[in-house]
Protein backbone atom coordinates (compact mmCIF):
# COMPACT_ATOMS: atom_id res chain seq x y z
CA UNK A 1 5.72 -4.74 -56.23
CA UNK A 2 2.69 -4.62 -53.91
CA UNK A 3 3.88 -7.74 -52.09
CA UNK A 4 7.37 -6.29 -51.46
CA UNK A 5 5.88 -3.02 -50.20
CA UNK A 6 3.50 -4.91 -47.90
CA UNK A 7 6.35 -7.03 -46.50
CA UNK A 8 8.53 -3.97 -45.96
CA UNK A 9 5.73 -2.11 -44.16
CA UNK A 10 4.95 -5.15 -42.01
CA UNK A 11 8.61 -5.53 -41.05
CA UNK A 12 8.86 -1.83 -40.23
CA UNK A 13 5.76 -1.99 -38.06
CA UNK A 14 7.09 -5.02 -36.17
CA UNK A 15 10.42 -3.31 -35.52
CA UNK A 16 8.71 -0.10 -34.40
CA UNK A 17 6.56 -1.91 -31.83
CA UNK A 18 9.23 -2.10 -29.12
CA UNK A 19 10.03 1.61 -29.53
CA UNK A 20 6.47 2.59 -28.72
CA UNK A 21 6.48 0.21 -25.75
CA UNK A 22 9.36 2.30 -24.35
CA UNK A 23 7.11 5.37 -23.85
CA UNK A 24 7.88 6.94 -27.22
CA UNK A 25 4.98 9.14 -28.21
CA UNK A 26 3.75 9.50 -24.62
CA UNK A 27 3.88 12.61 -22.50
CA UNK A 28 4.72 12.71 -18.78
CA UNK A 29 1.10 12.29 -17.67
CA UNK A 30 0.46 9.41 -20.08
CA UNK A 31 3.51 7.54 -18.78
CA UNK A 32 2.54 8.08 -15.14
CA UNK A 33 -1.09 7.13 -15.78
CA UNK A 34 0.05 3.93 -17.48
CA UNK A 35 2.07 2.79 -14.47
CA UNK A 36 0.22 1.57 -11.37
CA UNK A 37 3.16 2.67 -9.17
CA UNK A 38 2.15 6.29 -9.84
CA UNK A 39 -1.60 6.08 -9.18
CA UNK A 40 -1.38 8.33 -6.11
CA UNK A 41 0.73 10.86 -8.01
CA UNK A 42 -1.75 10.86 -10.89
CA UNK A 43 -4.66 11.38 -8.48
CA UNK A 44 -2.78 14.28 -6.88
CA UNK A 45 -1.96 15.87 -10.26
CA UNK A 46 -5.65 15.65 -11.17
CA UNK A 47 -6.77 17.11 -7.81
CA UNK A 48 -4.34 20.01 -8.23
CA UNK A 49 -5.52 20.68 -11.81
CA UNK A 50 -2.01 20.19 -13.19
CA UNK A 51 -2.82 17.61 -15.87
CA UNK A 52 -2.97 20.11 -18.74
CA UNK A 53 0.24 21.77 -17.57
CA UNK A 54 2.16 18.48 -17.44
CA UNK A 55 0.72 17.47 -20.80
CA UNK A 56 2.03 20.76 -22.23
CA UNK A 57 5.03 21.24 -24.48
CA UNK A 58 7.55 21.53 -21.66
CA UNK A 59 10.15 20.30 -21.52
CA UNK A 60 9.85 19.31 -17.88
CA UNK A 61 11.91 17.20 -15.53
CA UNK A 62 9.66 15.47 -13.02
CA UNK A 63 10.94 13.83 -9.85
CA UNK A 64 8.04 11.39 -9.50
CA UNK A 65 7.29 9.86 -6.10
CA UNK A 66 5.89 6.33 -6.12
CA UNK A 67 2.78 5.17 -4.27
CA UNK A 68 5.10 3.84 -1.54
CA UNK A 69 6.61 7.31 -1.16
CA UNK A 70 3.16 8.82 -0.62
CA UNK A 71 2.24 5.99 1.77
CA UNK A 72 5.30 6.83 3.90
CA UNK A 73 3.88 10.29 4.68
CA UNK A 74 2.20 10.65 8.08
CA UNK A 75 -1.21 8.98 8.21
CA UNK A 76 -3.97 11.12 6.70
CA UNK A 77 -1.60 13.49 4.87
CA UNK A 78 -2.47 12.38 1.35
CA UNK A 79 -6.21 12.33 2.04
CA UNK A 80 -5.97 15.81 3.54
CA UNK A 81 -3.98 17.18 0.59
CA UNK A 82 -6.50 15.77 -1.90
CA UNK A 83 -9.33 17.85 -0.38
CA UNK A 84 -10.47 20.73 -2.63
CA UNK A 85 -9.69 23.32 0.06
CA UNK A 86 -6.01 22.22 0.00
CA UNK A 87 -5.60 22.46 -3.77
CA UNK A 88 -3.05 25.32 -3.60
CA UNK A 89 -0.91 23.52 -1.01
CA UNK A 90 -1.02 20.32 -3.07
CA UNK A 91 -0.08 22.23 -6.24
CA UNK A 92 2.88 23.81 -4.41
CA UNK A 93 4.14 20.39 -3.28
CA UNK A 94 3.71 18.86 -6.73
CA UNK A 95 5.35 21.75 -8.60
CA UNK A 96 8.29 21.44 -6.18
CA UNK A 97 8.87 18.08 -7.90
CA UNK A 98 9.13 19.72 -11.35
CA UNK A 99 12.13 21.49 -12.88
CA UNK A 100 11.79 23.40 -16.16
CA UNK A 101 13.83 21.83 -18.95
CA UNK A 102 14.88 18.28 -19.70
CA UNK A 103 17.58 17.28 -17.20
CA UNK A 104 18.97 13.81 -17.78
CA UNK A 105 20.93 11.93 -15.11
CA UNK A 106 24.16 12.57 -17.04
CA UNK A 107 23.55 16.32 -16.59
CA UNK A 108 23.63 16.08 -12.78
CA UNK A 109 26.54 16.85 -10.49
CA UNK A 110 27.02 16.62 -6.75
CA UNK A 111 25.80 19.68 -4.88
CA UNK A 112 24.11 21.32 -7.83
CA UNK A 113 20.82 23.10 -7.27
CA UNK A 114 17.88 23.46 -9.61
CA UNK A 115 15.02 25.93 -9.48
CA UNK A 116 11.64 24.21 -9.39
CA UNK A 117 8.39 25.37 -10.97
CA UNK A 118 7.17 26.03 -7.40
CA UNK A 119 9.92 28.65 -7.00
CA UNK A 120 12.25 27.00 -4.47
CA UNK A 121 15.39 25.06 -5.29
CA UNK A 122 16.16 21.37 -4.91
CA UNK A 123 19.67 20.13 -4.16
CA UNK A 124 21.11 17.22 -6.12
CA UNK A 125 23.53 14.74 -4.59
CA UNK A 126 25.56 12.18 -6.51
CA UNK A 127 28.08 10.91 -3.95
CA UNK A 128 26.04 7.89 -2.81
CA UNK A 129 23.65 7.32 -5.69
CA UNK A 130 21.56 10.20 -7.00
CA UNK A 131 19.40 12.10 -4.53
CA UNK A 132 17.06 15.07 -4.79
CA UNK A 133 16.82 16.75 -1.41
CA UNK A 134 16.14 13.73 0.83
CA UNK A 135 14.77 11.45 -1.89
CA UNK A 136 16.75 8.73 -3.62
CA UNK A 137 16.36 8.38 -7.39
CA UNK A 138 15.40 4.74 -7.89
CA UNK A 139 14.93 4.92 -11.66
CA UNK A 140 16.29 7.64 -13.90
CA UNK A 141 15.80 8.93 -17.42
CA UNK A 142 12.30 7.78 -18.37
CA UNK A 143 11.94 9.86 -21.50
CA UNK A 144 8.64 11.41 -22.53
CA UNK A 145 7.67 13.55 -25.49
CA UNK A 146 7.68 16.62 -23.25
CA UNK A 147 10.54 15.87 -20.86
CA UNK A 148 11.89 13.24 -18.54
CA UNK A 149 10.82 11.43 -15.36
CA UNK A 150 13.14 10.39 -12.54
CA UNK A 151 11.41 8.07 -10.05
CA UNK A 152 12.05 8.93 -6.39
CA UNK A 153 11.37 7.04 -3.16
CA UNK A 154 10.24 9.99 -1.01
CA UNK A 155 7.83 12.90 -1.39
CA UNK A 156 9.97 16.01 -1.12
CA UNK A 157 8.55 19.10 0.54
CA UNK A 158 9.25 22.76 -0.24
CA UNK A 159 11.36 24.49 2.37
């Protein structure tokens, strides 16, 4: 009996391994922090004191710019935004990338708008791939315990 139970538990653990590797059990911040492509985003979220918010229950939809997206900003922009005196401006930019609720790519339609946590709206395009304002979604539907991440190639700015 013990041997059968042990074998069953071992088999279950081995089958569950890949599920956890696919971000199951991780929140939005954990997923971003575990991916080197988001190191600038993670540093910005920390500088803006938004870690606890994005680790909260949500659900949230985050349009997450990559390091390359931040690097494409004019020289010195990121360094300037990370200064303590620019915390409010940084928070406004970051919360413009967050929509309340869990919006999967299958929920999107061309021309739809979505209110961001910052207060402005983003416009979604689906005619030539999925876009959010001027940013192209390069990877969609990364599920987290408290929402979903869509990776974008450009830092979008509030209007």
